[in-house]
């Protein structure tokens, strides 16, 4: 039985699923790897404006996403509040943002984070930053390595509007435990190394052979 999902969020999720399935050759793999309860971090590469809805549209649980704090105004701001998105400062997550992240995970919620810290300019994978590793180590949440294929080609950071048509695939990897991620308090680059371990698993995820990106 699926956990209860807030009505507004679920409506947006279902609409997003319809949108991707209607206008793109949209597919997922490994979705059975996603736990339906407990604290979960979706750790994904970041290549497109489409990444947040694409990650969650076929996942039957509420995911707290991040949104730039400047977006929390007007109609969009109201929608983001109703989605329970977490506002973050443009450059780095501030104390209030981190508290919101850990509060969501403590309540056995799910969040989506990007170890690279920003959207890729080229669509290629980048080196991770320490933030994702810190959140994973401190929260001890289950991490689902997640890799997006095709979203860059249809709506990169260089595009003002999305292209219609094309293939999008989301690959969900096997869950990672804290023991697999955390190198220990004595490691000189503990959180960066944790992020590297997560990023390594993201890198190994592939789109199915039938999905040519």
N, C-alpha and C. Protein backbone atom coordinates (compact mmCIF):
# COMPACT_ATOMS: atom_id res chain seq x y z
N UNK A 1 0.84 -1.20 0.00
CA UNK A 1 0.00 0.00 0.00
C UNK A 1 0.88 1.25 0.00
N UNK A 2 0.59 2.20 -0.91
CA UNK A 2 1.37 3.41 -1.01
C UNK A 2 1.05 4.36 0.15
N UNK A 3 2.09 5.06 0.67
CA UNK A 3 1.82 6.04 1.71
C UNK A 3 0.99 7.19 1.15
N UNK A 4 0.29 7.88 2.02
CA UNK A 4 -0.56 8.99 1.59
C UNK A 4 0.30 10.11 1.03
N UNK A 5 -0.09 10.61 -0.14
CA UNK A 5 0.62 11.71 -0.79
C UNK A 5 -0.29 12.94 -0.74
N UNK A 6 0.24 14.11 -0.35
CA UNK A 6 -0.60 15.31 -0.34
C UNK A 6 -1.32 15.51 -1.67
N UNK A 7 -2.57 15.91 -1.61
CA UNK A 7 -3.43 15.98 -2.80
C UNK A 7 -2.85 16.89 -3.88
N UNK A 8 -2.41 18.08 -3.50
CA UNK A 8 -1.88 19.02 -4.51
C UNK A 8 -0.63 18.45 -5.16
N UNK A 9 0.28 17.92 -4.34
CA UNK A 9 1.50 17.32 -4.88
C UNK A 9 1.16 16.18 -5.83
N UNK A 10 0.23 15.33 -5.43
CA UNK A 10 -0.12 14.18 -6.26
C UNK A 10 -0.72 14.62 -7.59
N UNK A 11 -1.50 15.69 -7.56
CA UNK A 11 -2.05 16.21 -8.81
C UNK A 11 -0.96 16.69 -9.75
N UNK A 12 0.03 17.38 -9.20
CA UNK A 12 1.15 17.86 -10.01
C UNK A 12 1.96 16.66 -10.52
N UNK A 13 2.15 15.67 -9.67
CA UNK A 13 2.90 14.47 -10.07
C UNK A 13 2.22 13.76 -11.24
N UNK A 14 0.92 13.55 -11.13
CA UNK A 14 0.17 12.85 -12.18
C UNK A 14 0.17 13.66 -13.48
N UNK A 15 0.03 14.98 -13.35
CA UNK A 15 0.06 15.85 -14.53
C UNK A 15 1.43 15.79 -15.21
N UNK A 16 2.49 15.78 -14.39
CA UNK A 16 3.85 15.69 -14.94
C UNK A 16 4.05 14.37 -15.66
N UNK A 17 3.56 13.28 -15.09
CA UNK A 17 3.67 11.97 -15.72
C UNK A 17 2.94 11.97 -17.07
N UNK A 18 1.74 12.55 -17.09
CA UNK A 18 0.99 12.66 -18.34
C UNK A 18 1.77 13.47 -19.37
N UNK A 19 2.35 14.58 -18.95
CA UNK A 19 3.09 15.46 -19.85
C UNK A 19 4.27 14.73 -20.48
N UNK A 20 5.10 14.09 -19.64
CA UNK A 20 6.28 13.41 -20.16
C UNK A 20 5.89 12.21 -21.04
N UNK A 21 4.87 11.48 -20.63
CA UNK A 21 4.46 10.29 -21.38
C UNK A 21 3.79 10.65 -22.70
N UNK A 22 3.18 11.84 -22.76
CA UNK A 22 2.47 12.27 -23.98
C UNK A 22 3.41 12.88 -25.00
N UNK A 23 4.33 13.73 -24.55
CA UNK A 23 5.13 14.52 -25.48
C UNK A 23 6.54 13.98 -25.70
N UNK A 24 6.91 12.93 -24.96
CA UNK A 24 8.25 12.36 -25.10
C UNK A 24 8.17 10.84 -25.06
N UNK A 25 9.21 10.20 -25.55
CA UNK A 25 9.35 8.76 -25.36
C UNK A 25 9.96 8.58 -23.97
N UNK A 26 9.09 8.50 -22.98
CA UNK A 26 9.50 8.57 -21.57
C UNK A 26 9.49 7.18 -20.95
N UNK A 27 10.57 6.84 -20.24
CA UNK A 27 10.64 5.52 -19.60
C UNK A 27 11.48 5.61 -18.33
N UNK A 28 11.29 4.62 -17.47
CA UNK A 28 12.09 4.52 -16.25
C UNK A 28 12.58 3.08 -16.10
N UNK A 29 13.63 2.91 -15.32
CA UNK A 29 14.10 1.58 -14.96
C UNK A 29 14.52 1.59 -13.50
N UNK A 30 14.36 0.45 -12.84
CA UNK A 30 14.79 0.32 -11.45
C UNK A 30 13.87 0.99 -10.44
N UNK A 31 12.66 1.35 -10.85
CA UNK A 31 11.78 2.06 -9.92
C UNK A 31 11.41 1.18 -8.73
N UNK A 32 11.52 -0.13 -8.88
CA UNK A 32 11.25 -1.04 -7.75
C UNK A 32 12.32 -0.90 -6.67
N UNK A 33 13.44 -0.24 -6.98
CA UNK A 33 14.48 0.00 -5.98
C UNK A 33 14.09 1.09 -4.98
N UNK A 34 13.05 1.84 -5.30
CA UNK A 34 12.67 2.98 -4.45
C UNK A 34 11.82 2.51 -3.28
N UNK A 35 12.28 2.70 -2.03
CA UNK A 35 11.47 2.33 -0.86
C UNK A 35 10.22 3.21 -0.78
N UNK A 36 9.10 2.62 -0.43
CA UNK A 36 7.86 3.38 -0.34
C UNK A 36 7.65 4.01 1.04
N UNK A 37 8.57 3.73 1.97
CA UNK A 37 8.51 4.42 3.26
C UNK A 37 9.94 4.56 3.79
N UNK A 38 10.08 5.29 4.88
CA UNK A 38 11.40 5.55 5.45
C UNK A 38 12.08 6.74 4.80
N UNK A 39 13.15 7.20 5.42
CA UNK A 39 13.90 8.37 4.93
C UNK A 39 14.68 8.00 3.67
N UNK A 40 14.46 8.77 2.62
CA UNK A 40 15.10 8.48 1.33
C UNK A 40 15.65 9.75 0.71
N UNK A 41 16.86 9.64 0.16
CA UNK A 41 17.46 10.72 -0.61
C UNK A 41 17.62 10.24 -2.05
N UNK A 42 16.97 10.93 -2.98
CA UNK A 42 17.23 10.69 -4.40
C UNK A 42 18.42 11.57 -4.78
N UNK A 43 19.55 10.95 -5.09
CA UNK A 43 20.76 11.69 -5.45
C UNK A 43 20.95 11.55 -6.96
N UNK A 44 20.79 12.67 -7.67
CA UNK A 44 20.73 12.60 -9.13
C UNK A 44 21.72 13.55 -9.80
N UNK A 45 22.07 13.23 -11.05
CA UNK A 45 22.78 14.21 -11.87
C UNK A 45 21.79 15.32 -12.22
N UNK A 46 22.31 16.48 -12.60
CA UNK A 46 21.44 17.64 -12.82
C UNK A 46 21.79 18.27 -14.17
N UNK A 47 20.89 18.11 -15.14
CA UNK A 47 21.18 18.55 -16.50
C UNK A 47 20.08 19.38 -17.13
N UNK A 48 18.97 19.59 -16.41
CA UNK A 48 17.82 20.20 -17.07
C UNK A 48 16.85 20.82 -16.06
N UNK A 49 16.04 21.77 -16.56
CA UNK A 49 14.93 22.31 -15.78
C UNK A 49 13.89 21.21 -15.51
N UNK A 50 13.86 20.19 -16.36
CA UNK A 50 12.88 19.11 -16.23
C UNK A 50 13.23 18.09 -15.15
N UNK A 51 14.43 18.15 -14.60
CA UNK A 51 14.89 17.07 -13.72
C UNK A 51 13.98 16.81 -12.51
N UNK A 52 13.58 17.83 -11.75
CA UNK A 52 12.75 17.53 -10.57
C UNK A 52 11.45 16.80 -10.89
N UNK A 53 10.60 17.31 -11.81
CA UNK A 53 9.36 16.55 -12.07
C UNK A 53 9.61 15.20 -12.72
N UNK A 54 10.67 15.09 -13.53
CA UNK A 54 10.95 13.81 -14.17
C UNK A 54 11.35 12.75 -13.13
N UNK A 55 12.13 13.15 -12.12
CA UNK A 55 12.55 12.21 -11.08
C UNK A 55 11.35 11.64 -10.33
N UNK A 56 10.38 12.50 -10.03
CA UNK A 56 9.31 12.09 -9.13
C UNK A 56 7.99 11.70 -9.73
N UNK A 57 7.80 11.89 -11.04
CA UNK A 57 6.45 11.76 -11.59
C UNK A 57 5.90 10.34 -11.54
N UNK A 58 6.77 9.32 -11.50
CA UNK A 58 6.29 7.94 -11.41
C UNK A 58 6.60 7.30 -10.06
N UNK A 59 7.08 8.11 -9.12
CA UNK A 59 7.39 7.62 -7.77
C UNK A 59 6.18 7.89 -6.87
N UNK A 60 5.65 6.84 -6.28
CA UNK A 60 4.43 6.95 -5.48
C UNK A 60 4.73 7.34 -4.02
N UNK A 61 5.39 8.47 -3.88
CA UNK A 61 5.58 9.05 -2.56
C UNK A 61 5.93 10.53 -2.73
N UNK A 62 5.71 11.29 -1.67
CA UNK A 62 5.97 12.72 -1.71
C UNK A 62 7.46 12.98 -1.61
N UNK A 63 7.99 13.79 -2.54
CA UNK A 63 9.40 14.16 -2.52
C UNK A 63 9.50 15.66 -2.30
N UNK A 64 10.34 16.05 -1.34
CA UNK A 64 10.63 17.47 -1.13
C UNK A 64 11.77 17.88 -2.06
N UNK A 65 11.48 18.82 -2.94
CA UNK A 65 12.50 19.32 -3.86
C UNK A 65 13.05 20.64 -3.36
N UNK A 66 14.21 21.03 -3.90
CA UNK A 66 14.76 22.35 -3.62
C UNK A 66 14.32 23.32 -4.70
N UNK A 67 14.16 24.57 -4.33
CA UNK A 67 13.89 25.62 -5.31
C UNK A 67 14.62 26.88 -4.86
N UNK A 68 15.14 27.63 -5.82
CA UNK A 68 15.84 28.86 -5.50
C UNK A 68 14.93 29.78 -4.71
N UNK A 69 15.44 30.37 -3.66
CA UNK A 69 14.61 31.17 -2.76
C UNK A 69 13.91 32.34 -3.46
N UNK A 70 14.52 32.85 -4.53
CA UNK A 70 13.93 33.99 -5.24
C UNK A 70 12.64 33.61 -5.99
N UNK A 71 12.38 32.31 -6.13
CA UNK A 71 11.18 31.86 -6.84
C UNK A 71 9.95 31.82 -5.94
N UNK A 72 10.16 31.99 -4.64
CA UNK A 72 9.06 31.86 -3.68
C UNK A 72 8.29 33.18 -3.55
N UNK A 73 7.71 33.59 -4.66
CA UNK A 73 6.87 34.79 -4.64
C UNK A 73 5.82 34.67 -5.73
N UNK A 74 4.71 35.35 -5.55
CA UNK A 74 3.63 35.30 -6.53
C UNK A 74 2.97 33.94 -6.61
N UNK A 75 2.38 33.67 -7.76
CA UNK A 75 1.64 32.42 -7.96
C UNK A 75 2.58 31.21 -7.89
N UNK A 76 3.76 31.33 -8.51
CA UNK A 76 4.72 30.23 -8.47
C UNK A 76 5.13 29.95 -7.03
N UNK A 77 5.36 31.01 -6.27
CA UNK A 77 5.75 30.84 -4.87
C UNK A 77 4.70 30.10 -4.06
N UNK A 78 3.43 30.44 -4.30
CA UNK A 78 2.34 29.74 -3.60
C UNK A 78 2.34 28.26 -3.95
N UNK A 79 2.55 27.96 -5.24
CA UNK A 79 2.57 26.56 -5.68
C UNK A 79 3.74 25.81 -5.04
N UNK A 80 4.90 26.46 -4.97
CA UNK A 80 6.07 25.82 -4.37
C UNK A 80 5.84 25.54 -2.89
N UNK A 81 5.19 26.48 -2.21
CA UNK A 81 4.86 26.25 -0.79
C UNK A 81 3.92 25.06 -0.65
N UNK A 82 2.92 24.96 -1.53
CA UNK A 82 1.97 23.85 -1.45
C UNK A 82 2.63 22.51 -1.80
N UNK A 83 3.66 22.56 -2.62
CA UNK A 83 4.42 21.34 -2.95
C UNK A 83 5.40 20.99 -1.82
N UNK A 84 5.53 21.88 -0.83
CA UNK A 84 6.47 21.74 0.29
C UNK A 84 7.91 21.70 -0.20
N UNK A 85 8.17 22.51 -1.24
CA UNK A 85 9.54 22.65 -1.72
C UNK A 85 10.36 23.39 -0.67
N UNK A 86 11.67 23.15 -0.69
CA UNK A 86 12.58 23.74 0.29
C UNK A 86 13.35 24.88 -0.37
N UNK A 87 13.18 26.13 0.10
CA UNK A 87 13.91 27.25 -0.51
C UNK A 87 15.39 27.22 -0.15
N UNK A 88 16.24 27.49 -1.14
CA UNK A 88 17.68 27.54 -0.89
C UNK A 88 18.25 28.81 -1.51
N UNK A 89 19.29 29.34 -0.88
CA UNK A 89 19.99 30.50 -1.42
C UNK A 89 20.66 30.09 -2.72
N UNK A 90 20.90 31.04 -3.60
CA UNK A 90 21.39 30.75 -4.94
C UNK A 90 22.70 29.97 -4.94
N UNK A 91 23.62 30.34 -4.05
CA UNK A 91 24.94 29.72 -4.08
C UNK A 91 25.03 28.48 -3.19
N UNK A 92 24.58 28.60 -1.95
CA UNK A 92 24.74 27.49 -1.00
C UNK A 92 23.50 27.36 -0.12
N UNK A 93 23.24 26.13 0.29
CA UNK A 93 22.13 25.92 1.22
C UNK A 93 22.46 26.62 2.54
N UNK A 94 21.55 27.44 3.02
CA UNK A 94 21.78 28.14 4.27
C UNK A 94 21.31 27.28 5.44
N UNK A 95 21.45 27.81 6.66
CA UNK A 95 21.11 27.05 7.86
C UNK A 95 19.63 26.67 7.86
N UNK A 96 18.77 27.61 7.49
CA UNK A 96 17.33 27.33 7.47
C UNK A 96 17.00 26.20 6.48
N UNK A 97 17.66 26.21 5.33
CA UNK A 97 17.43 25.17 4.32
C UNK A 97 17.87 23.80 4.84
N UNK A 98 19.05 23.77 5.45
CA UNK A 98 19.56 22.51 5.99
C UNK A 98 18.64 21.97 7.09
N UNK A 99 18.14 22.87 7.93
CA UNK A 99 17.21 22.43 8.98
C UNK A 99 15.96 21.83 8.36
N UNK A 100 15.46 22.44 7.28
CA UNK A 100 14.26 21.92 6.60
C UNK A 100 14.53 20.56 5.99
N UNK A 101 15.73 20.38 5.44
CA UNK A 101 16.11 19.09 4.84
C UNK A 101 16.11 18.00 5.90
N UNK A 102 16.82 18.26 7.00
CA UNK A 102 16.93 17.25 8.05
C UNK A 102 15.59 17.00 8.75
N UNK A 103 14.76 18.04 8.82
CA UNK A 103 13.43 17.88 9.41
C UNK A 103 12.59 16.94 8.55
N UNK A 104 12.65 17.11 7.23
CA UNK A 104 11.89 16.23 6.32
C UNK A 104 12.37 14.79 6.42
N UNK A 105 13.68 14.60 6.49
CA UNK A 105 14.22 13.24 6.57
C UNK A 105 13.93 12.61 7.93
N UNK A 106 13.95 13.41 8.99
CA UNK A 106 13.65 12.88 10.32
C UNK A 106 12.22 12.37 10.40
N UNK A 107 11.33 13.00 9.60
CA UNK A 107 9.93 12.57 9.55
C UNK A 107 9.72 11.40 8.58
N UNK A 108 10.85 10.78 8.18
CA UNK A 108 10.83 9.65 7.24
C UNK A 108 10.29 10.07 5.88
N UNK A 109 10.66 11.29 5.49
CA UNK A 109 10.27 11.80 4.18
C UNK A 109 11.33 11.51 3.15
N UNK A 110 11.12 12.07 1.96
CA UNK A 110 12.06 11.89 0.84
C UNK A 110 12.45 13.24 0.29
N UNK A 111 13.71 13.38 -0.09
CA UNK A 111 14.18 14.61 -0.73
C UNK A 111 14.94 14.24 -1.99
N UNK A 112 15.09 15.20 -2.89
CA UNK A 112 15.92 15.02 -4.09
C UNK A 112 17.05 16.03 -4.03
N UNK A 113 18.29 15.55 -4.18
CA UNK A 113 19.44 16.45 -4.17
C UNK A 113 20.35 16.13 -5.36
N UNK A 114 21.23 17.07 -5.66
CA UNK A 114 22.13 16.93 -6.80
C UNK A 114 23.57 17.05 -6.29
N UNK A 115 24.31 15.94 -6.23
CA UNK A 115 25.67 15.99 -5.71
C UNK A 115 26.58 16.97 -6.43
N UNK A 116 26.31 17.24 -7.73
CA UNK A 116 27.15 18.16 -8.49
C UNK A 116 26.91 19.62 -8.07
N UNK A 117 25.77 19.87 -7.43
CA UNK A 117 25.50 21.20 -6.89
C UNK A 117 24.83 22.17 -7.83
N UNK A 118 24.91 21.95 -9.14
CA UNK A 118 24.30 22.85 -10.11
C UNK A 118 24.03 22.10 -11.40
N UNK A 119 23.27 22.71 -12.31
CA UNK A 119 23.01 22.08 -13.59
C UNK A 119 24.25 22.10 -14.46
N UNK A 120 24.48 21.00 -15.16
CA UNK A 120 25.63 20.89 -16.06
C UNK A 120 25.43 21.78 -17.29
N UNK A 121 26.48 22.46 -17.69
CA UNK A 121 26.44 23.30 -18.90
C UNK A 121 26.42 22.47 -20.17
N UNK A 122 26.98 21.27 -20.10
CA UNK A 122 27.17 20.46 -21.30
C UNK A 122 26.32 19.20 -21.33
N UNK A 123 25.68 18.87 -20.22
CA UNK A 123 24.95 17.61 -20.13
C UNK A 123 25.80 16.47 -19.62
N UNK A 124 27.10 16.71 -19.50
CA UNK A 124 28.02 15.68 -19.00
C UNK A 124 28.02 15.69 -17.46
N UNK A 125 28.39 14.54 -16.88
CA UNK A 125 28.51 14.46 -15.43
C UNK A 125 29.68 15.32 -14.95
N UNK A 126 29.53 15.90 -13.76
CA UNK A 126 30.57 16.76 -13.20
C UNK A 126 31.07 16.19 -11.87
N UNK A 127 32.12 16.81 -11.35
CA UNK A 127 32.64 16.41 -10.05
C UNK A 127 31.66 16.82 -8.96
N UNK A 128 31.47 15.95 -7.95
CA UNK A 128 30.51 16.30 -6.88
C UNK A 128 31.09 17.28 -5.88
N UNK A 129 30.20 17.93 -5.16
CA UNK A 129 30.58 18.76 -4.03
C UNK A 129 30.23 18.01 -2.74
N UNK A 130 30.68 18.54 -1.60
CA UNK A 130 30.58 17.81 -0.34
C UNK A 130 29.17 17.80 0.26
N UNK A 131 28.30 18.71 -0.18
CA UNK A 131 27.00 18.88 0.47
C UNK A 131 26.14 17.63 0.53
N UNK A 132 26.03 16.94 -0.59
CA UNK A 132 25.18 15.74 -0.62
C UNK A 132 25.72 14.68 0.32
N UNK A 133 27.04 14.52 0.35
CA UNK A 133 27.64 13.55 1.24
C UNK A 133 27.40 13.89 2.70
N UNK A 134 27.46 15.17 3.02
CA UNK A 134 27.21 15.60 4.40
C UNK A 134 25.77 15.26 4.81
N UNK A 135 24.82 15.57 3.94
CA UNK A 135 23.42 15.29 4.25
C UNK A 135 23.20 13.79 4.40
N UNK A 136 23.80 13.00 3.52
CA UNK A 136 23.63 11.54 3.59
C UNK A 136 24.24 10.97 4.87
N UNK A 137 25.44 11.42 5.22
CA UNK A 137 26.11 10.90 6.41
C UNK A 137 25.38 11.28 7.70
N UNK A 138 24.97 12.54 7.80
CA UNK A 138 24.34 13.01 9.02
C UNK A 138 22.91 12.47 9.19
N UNK A 139 22.18 12.32 8.11
CA UNK A 139 20.79 11.87 8.20
C UNK A 139 20.68 10.35 8.30
N UNK A 140 21.70 9.65 7.76
CA UNK A 140 21.68 8.18 7.68
C UNK A 140 20.49 7.66 6.87
N UNK A 141 19.99 8.49 5.97
CA UNK A 141 18.88 8.08 5.11
C UNK A 141 19.38 7.14 4.02
N UNK A 142 18.47 6.33 3.51
CA UNK A 142 18.78 5.49 2.34
C UNK A 142 18.95 6.39 1.12
N UNK A 143 19.99 6.15 0.35
CA UNK A 143 20.24 6.95 -0.86
C UNK A 143 19.92 6.13 -2.09
N UNK A 144 19.12 6.71 -2.99
CA UNK A 144 18.83 6.07 -4.28
C UNK A 144 19.60 6.83 -5.35
N UNK A 145 20.71 6.26 -5.87
CA UNK A 145 21.40 6.92 -6.98
C UNK A 145 20.44 6.99 -8.17
N UNK A 146 20.34 8.15 -8.78
CA UNK A 146 19.36 8.37 -9.85
C UNK A 146 20.05 9.08 -11.01
N UNK A 147 19.85 8.56 -12.21
CA UNK A 147 20.49 9.20 -13.37
C UNK A 147 19.46 9.53 -14.43
N UNK A 148 19.52 10.77 -14.90
CA UNK A 148 18.60 11.24 -15.93
C UNK A 148 19.30 11.22 -17.28
N UNK A 149 18.60 10.72 -18.27
CA UNK A 149 19.09 10.71 -19.65
C UNK A 149 18.09 11.46 -20.52
N UNK A 150 18.58 12.33 -21.37
CA UNK A 150 17.71 12.95 -22.36
C UNK A 150 17.11 14.28 -21.98
N UNK A 151 17.05 14.60 -20.69
CA UNK A 151 16.41 15.86 -20.31
C UNK A 151 17.24 17.07 -20.76
N UNK A 152 18.56 16.90 -20.83
CA UNK A 152 19.41 18.00 -21.30
C UNK A 152 19.07 18.35 -22.75
N UNK A 153 18.87 17.30 -23.56
CA UNK A 153 18.62 17.53 -24.99
C UNK A 153 17.30 18.25 -25.24
N UNK A 154 16.33 18.09 -24.34
CA UNK A 154 15.03 18.71 -24.60
C UNK A 154 14.82 20.02 -23.82
N UNK A 155 15.59 20.24 -22.74
CA UNK A 155 15.38 21.48 -21.98
C UNK A 155 16.60 21.77 -21.11
N UNK A 156 17.71 22.14 -21.74
CA UNK A 156 18.94 22.44 -21.01
C UNK A 156 18.86 23.83 -20.40
N UNK A 157 19.86 24.19 -19.65
CA UNK A 157 19.89 25.52 -19.03
C UNK A 157 20.07 26.62 -20.06
N UNK A 158 20.42 26.24 -21.29
CA UNK A 158 20.60 27.22 -22.37
C UNK A 158 19.30 27.47 -23.14
N UNK A 159 18.28 26.66 -22.89
CA UNK A 159 17.02 26.77 -23.63
C UNK A 159 16.01 27.64 -22.88
N UNK A 160 15.32 28.49 -23.63
CA UNK A 160 14.27 29.31 -23.02
C UNK A 160 12.95 28.55 -22.94
N UNK A 161 12.70 27.68 -23.90
CA UNK A 161 11.50 26.84 -23.88
C UNK A 161 11.90 25.41 -24.21
N UNK A 162 11.14 24.41 -23.73
CA UNK A 162 11.52 23.02 -24.01
C UNK A 162 11.23 22.62 -25.45
N UNK A 163 12.04 21.70 -25.96
CA UNK A 163 11.75 21.08 -27.24
C UNK A 163 10.72 19.97 -27.01
N UNK A 164 9.86 19.76 -27.96
CA UNK A 164 8.87 18.69 -27.86
C UNK A 164 9.38 17.49 -28.66
N UNK A 165 9.24 16.31 -28.10
CA UNK A 165 9.72 15.10 -28.75
C UNK A 165 11.12 14.74 -28.27
N UNK A 166 11.49 13.49 -28.45
CA UNK A 166 12.78 13.00 -27.97
C UNK A 166 12.60 11.98 -26.87
N UNK A 167 13.71 11.39 -26.46
CA UNK A 167 13.67 10.33 -25.47
C UNK A 167 14.19 10.81 -24.12
N UNK A 168 13.46 10.44 -23.08
CA UNK A 168 13.87 10.73 -21.71
C UNK A 168 13.81 9.43 -20.92
N UNK A 169 14.86 9.14 -20.19
CA UNK A 169 14.88 7.94 -19.36
C UNK A 169 15.41 8.28 -17.98
N UNK A 170 14.77 7.74 -16.94
CA UNK A 170 15.22 7.91 -15.57
C UNK A 170 15.60 6.54 -15.02
N UNK A 171 16.85 6.39 -14.59
CA UNK A 171 17.33 5.12 -14.03
C UNK A 171 17.51 5.27 -12.52
N UNK A 172 16.85 4.40 -11.76
CA UNK A 172 16.96 4.40 -10.30
C UNK A 172 17.85 3.22 -9.90
N UNK A 173 18.94 3.51 -9.20
CA UNK A 173 19.86 2.46 -8.81
C UNK A 173 19.46 1.77 -7.52
N UNK A 174 20.21 0.75 -7.17
CA UNK A 174 19.96 0.02 -5.94
C UNK A 174 20.27 0.93 -4.74
N UNK A 175 19.50 0.77 -3.65
CA UNK A 175 19.70 1.63 -2.47
C UNK A 175 21.11 1.53 -1.90
N UNK A 176 21.62 2.66 -1.45
CA UNK A 176 22.92 2.72 -0.78
C UNK A 176 22.69 2.98 0.70
N UNK A 177 23.35 2.21 1.55
CA UNK A 177 23.24 2.40 2.99
C UNK A 177 24.31 3.38 3.48
N UNK A 178 24.15 3.86 4.69
CA UNK A 178 25.14 4.76 5.29
C UNK A 178 26.51 4.09 5.34
N UNK A 179 26.54 2.80 5.62
CA UNK A 179 27.82 2.08 5.71
C UNK A 179 28.57 2.11 4.37
N UNK A 180 27.83 2.09 3.26
CA UNK A 180 28.46 2.14 1.94
C UNK A 180 28.95 3.54 1.60
N UNK A 181 28.29 4.54 2.15
CA UNK A 181 28.55 5.93 1.76
C UNK A 181 29.59 6.60 2.65
N UNK A 182 29.48 6.42 3.96
CA UNK A 182 30.26 7.19 4.94
C UNK A 182 31.63 6.54 5.17
N UNK A 183 32.73 7.24 4.84
CA UNK A 183 34.06 6.66 5.07
C UNK A 183 34.51 6.77 6.52
N UNK A 184 33.73 7.45 7.37
CA UNK A 184 34.07 7.55 8.79
C UNK A 184 34.57 8.93 9.17
N UNK A 185 34.43 9.25 10.45
CA UNK A 185 34.77 10.58 10.95
C UNK A 185 36.25 10.90 10.83
N UNK A 186 37.09 9.87 10.75
CA UNK A 186 38.54 10.11 10.68
C UNK A 186 39.03 10.41 9.26
N UNK A 187 38.17 10.22 8.28
CA UNK A 187 38.59 10.48 6.89
C UNK A 187 38.78 11.98 6.69
N UNK A 188 39.91 12.41 6.11
CA UNK A 188 40.19 13.84 5.97
C UNK A 188 39.20 14.58 5.06
N UNK A 189 38.59 13.87 4.14
CA UNK A 189 37.59 14.48 3.25
C UNK A 189 36.28 13.69 3.35
N UNK A 190 35.82 13.51 4.56
CA UNK A 190 34.69 12.62 4.83
C UNK A 190 33.49 12.88 3.92
N UNK A 191 33.00 14.10 3.92
CA UNK A 191 31.76 14.38 3.19
C UNK A 191 31.98 14.41 1.68
N UNK A 192 33.13 14.90 1.25
CA UNK A 192 33.43 14.89 -0.18
C UNK A 192 33.60 13.47 -0.68
N UNK A 193 34.25 12.62 0.11
CA UNK A 193 34.40 11.22 -0.27
C UNK A 193 33.04 10.52 -0.32
N UNK A 194 32.14 10.85 0.61
CA UNK A 194 30.79 10.28 0.58
C UNK A 194 30.08 10.68 -0.71
N UNK A 195 30.21 11.95 -1.09
CA UNK A 195 29.60 12.41 -2.35
C UNK A 195 30.21 11.69 -3.55
N UNK A 196 31.53 11.47 -3.50
CA UNK A 196 32.19 10.76 -4.61
C UNK A 196 31.65 9.33 -4.74
N UNK A 197 31.41 8.68 -3.61
CA UNK A 197 30.88 7.31 -3.65
C UNK A 197 29.48 7.29 -4.25
N UNK A 198 28.68 8.29 -3.89
CA UNK A 198 27.34 8.38 -4.46
C UNK A 198 27.43 8.65 -5.96
N UNK A 199 28.30 9.58 -6.34
CA UNK A 199 28.45 9.96 -7.76
C UNK A 199 28.96 8.79 -8.58
N UNK A 200 29.81 7.98 -7.99
CA UNK A 200 30.31 6.80 -8.70
C UNK A 200 29.17 5.85 -9.07
N UNK A 201 28.23 5.70 -8.14
CA UNK A 201 27.08 4.83 -8.42
C UNK A 201 26.15 5.44 -9.47
N UNK A 202 26.01 6.76 -9.43
CA UNK A 202 25.21 7.44 -10.46
C UNK A 202 25.85 7.22 -11.83
N UNK A 203 27.17 7.34 -11.89
CA UNK A 203 27.90 7.20 -13.15
C UNK A 203 27.69 5.82 -13.77
N UNK A 204 27.56 4.80 -12.93
CA UNK A 204 27.44 3.42 -13.43
C UNK A 204 26.04 3.09 -13.96
N UNK A 205 25.06 3.95 -13.66
CA UNK A 205 23.71 3.68 -14.14
C UNK A 205 23.64 3.93 -15.64
N UNK A 206 22.97 3.04 -16.34
CA UNK A 206 22.84 3.13 -17.79
C UNK A 206 21.37 3.11 -18.21
N UNK A 207 21.10 3.70 -19.36
CA UNK A 207 19.78 3.57 -19.96
C UNK A 207 19.70 2.19 -20.62
N UNK A 208 18.51 1.57 -20.67
CA UNK A 208 18.38 0.27 -21.33
C UNK A 208 18.84 0.32 -22.78
N UNK A 209 19.30 -0.81 -23.29
CA UNK A 209 19.80 -0.87 -24.66
C UNK A 209 18.75 -0.43 -25.68
N UNK A 210 17.48 -0.66 -25.33
CA UNK A 210 16.40 -0.29 -26.26
C UNK A 210 16.15 1.21 -26.27
N UNK A 211 16.72 1.92 -25.28
CA UNK A 211 16.55 3.37 -25.22
C UNK A 211 17.83 4.04 -25.66
N UNK A 212 17.87 4.54 -26.87
CA UNK A 212 19.07 5.15 -27.40
C UNK A 212 19.00 6.66 -27.17
N UNK A 213 19.91 7.14 -26.37
CA UNK A 213 19.92 8.58 -26.07
C UNK A 213 21.00 9.24 -26.90
